[in-house]
Amino acid sequence: MVKIAAIGRLLGKQLKTPLVAVVEPVHAGFVAHAASISVFAYGRDDAEAVEVLKQGIESMYRGEEFLDLRAVIQSMLLPDHLVAGRELEAQSS
């Protein structure tokens, strides 16, 4: 059965909108991938597959050879000043 997982944080920062990952069962585990980023990950269960996907995206972001992926991820991250503003709004509610 295909599952959908929402990733709300990457690189210790909040995303503007969650990254939607599709998690599908394969022979002995699960594969996770996101439509907007061509990275795939494998895990023994769906949670592990999503965690490995996050780690893979983050490690590619830090690498030197994936500058196009870095630009895509950078555009998805909320600027620090907006994150602080959202935290203040949540505290005052």
Protein backbone atom coordinates (compact mmCIF):
# COMPACT_ATOMS: atom_id res chain seq x y z
CA MET A 1 0.00 0.00 0.00
CA VAL A 2 1.38 3.41 -0.98
CA LYS A 3 1.67 5.95 1.83
CA ILE A 4 2.23 9.70 1.81
CA ALA A 5 4.54 11.38 4.33
CA ALA A 6 4.98 15.12 4.84
CA ILE A 7 8.48 16.34 5.65
CA GLY A 8 8.28 19.69 7.42
CA ARG A 9 11.96 20.27 8.28
CA LEU A 10 15.24 19.85 6.46
CA LEU A 11 18.70 20.94 7.57
CA GLY A 12 17.26 21.95 10.93
CA LYS A 13 15.01 24.53 9.27
CA GLN A 14 11.31 24.67 8.63
CA LEU A 15 10.11 24.36 5.03
CA LYS A 16 7.71 26.89 3.48
CA THR A 17 5.43 24.00 2.59
CA PRO A 18 5.97 20.38 3.55
CA LEU A 19 7.87 18.20 1.12
CA VAL A 20 5.55 15.37 0.16
CA ALA A 21 7.20 11.97 0.02
CA VAL A 22 5.62 8.88 -1.47
CA VAL A 23 6.48 5.66 0.37
CA GLU A 24 5.94 2.39 -1.47
CA PRO A 25 6.49 -1.18 -0.35
CA VAL A 26 9.09 -3.19 -2.25
CA HIS A 27 10.16 -6.81 -1.87
CA ALA A 28 11.85 -6.60 1.54
CA GLY A 29 11.21 -3.03 2.67
CA PHE A 30 10.05 0.39 1.54
CA VAL A 31 11.20 3.02 -0.97
CA ALA A 32 10.56 6.73 -0.38
CA HIS A 33 10.82 9.50 -2.96
CA ALA A 34 9.63 13.06 -3.46
CA ALA A 35 8.27 14.27 -6.78
CA SER A 36 10.08 17.62 -6.70
CA ILE A 37 13.51 16.13 -5.90
CA SER A 38 14.96 13.12 -7.71
CA VAL A 39 16.27 11.32 -4.63
CA PHE A 40 15.19 7.84 -3.57
CA ALA A 41 15.73 6.07 -0.25
CA TYR A 42 15.24 2.57 1.07
CA GLY A 43 14.30 1.45 4.58
CA ARG A 44 13.06 -1.64 6.40
CA ASP A 45 9.85 0.20 7.27
CA ASP A 46 8.13 3.33 6.00
CA ALA A 47 9.46 5.58 8.79
CA GLU A 48 13.04 4.50 8.17
CA ALA A 49 12.64 5.07 4.42
CA VAL A 50 11.46 8.65 5.05
CA GLU A 51 14.30 9.31 7.51
CA VAL A 52 16.88 7.97 5.03
CA LEU A 53 15.30 10.17 2.33
CA LYS A 54 15.69 13.25 4.56
CA GLN A 55 19.30 12.34 5.33
CA GLY A 56 20.03 11.78 1.64
CA ILE A 57 18.57 15.13 0.63
CA GLU A 58 20.50 16.90 3.38
CA SER A 59 23.81 15.24 2.49
CA MET A 60 23.35 16.07 -1.20
CA TYR A 61 22.58 19.67 -0.23
CA ARG A 62 25.89 19.88 1.61
CA GLY A 63 27.82 18.37 -1.32
CA GLU A 64 29.56 20.38 -3.98
CA GLU A 65 28.31 18.51 -7.03
CA PHE A 66 24.53 19.02 -6.62
CA LEU A 67 24.20 22.79 -7.01
CA ASP A 68 20.86 22.54 -8.83
CA LEU A 69 19.42 20.48 -5.96
CA ARG A 70 20.84 22.98 -3.46
CA ALA A 71 18.97 25.80 -5.22
CA VAL A 72 15.70 23.82 -5.14
CA ILE A 73 16.05 23.04 -1.43
CA GLN A 74 17.12 26.60 -0.60
CA SER A 75 13.97 27.90 -2.25
CA MET A 76 11.90 25.57 -0.04
CA LEU A 77 13.34 26.78 3.28
CA LEU A 78 11.69 29.52 5.30
CA PRO A 79 14.01 32.45 6.05
CA ASP A 80 15.06 32.57 9.72
CA HIS A 81 13.24 35.84 10.41
CA LEU A 82 9.93 34.35 9.23
CA VAL A 83 10.38 31.25 11.37
CA ALA A 84 10.97 33.45 14.43
CA GLY A 85 7.82 35.41 13.60
CA ARG A 86 5.75 32.23 13.38
CA GLU A 87 7.07 31.04 16.73
CA LEU A 88 6.07 34.36 18.32
CA GLU A 89 2.58 34.09 16.81
CA ALA A 90 2.20 30.55 18.18
CA GLN A 91 3.29 31.65 21.66
CA SER A 92 0.85 34.56 21.79
CA SER A 93 -2.16 32.39 20.80
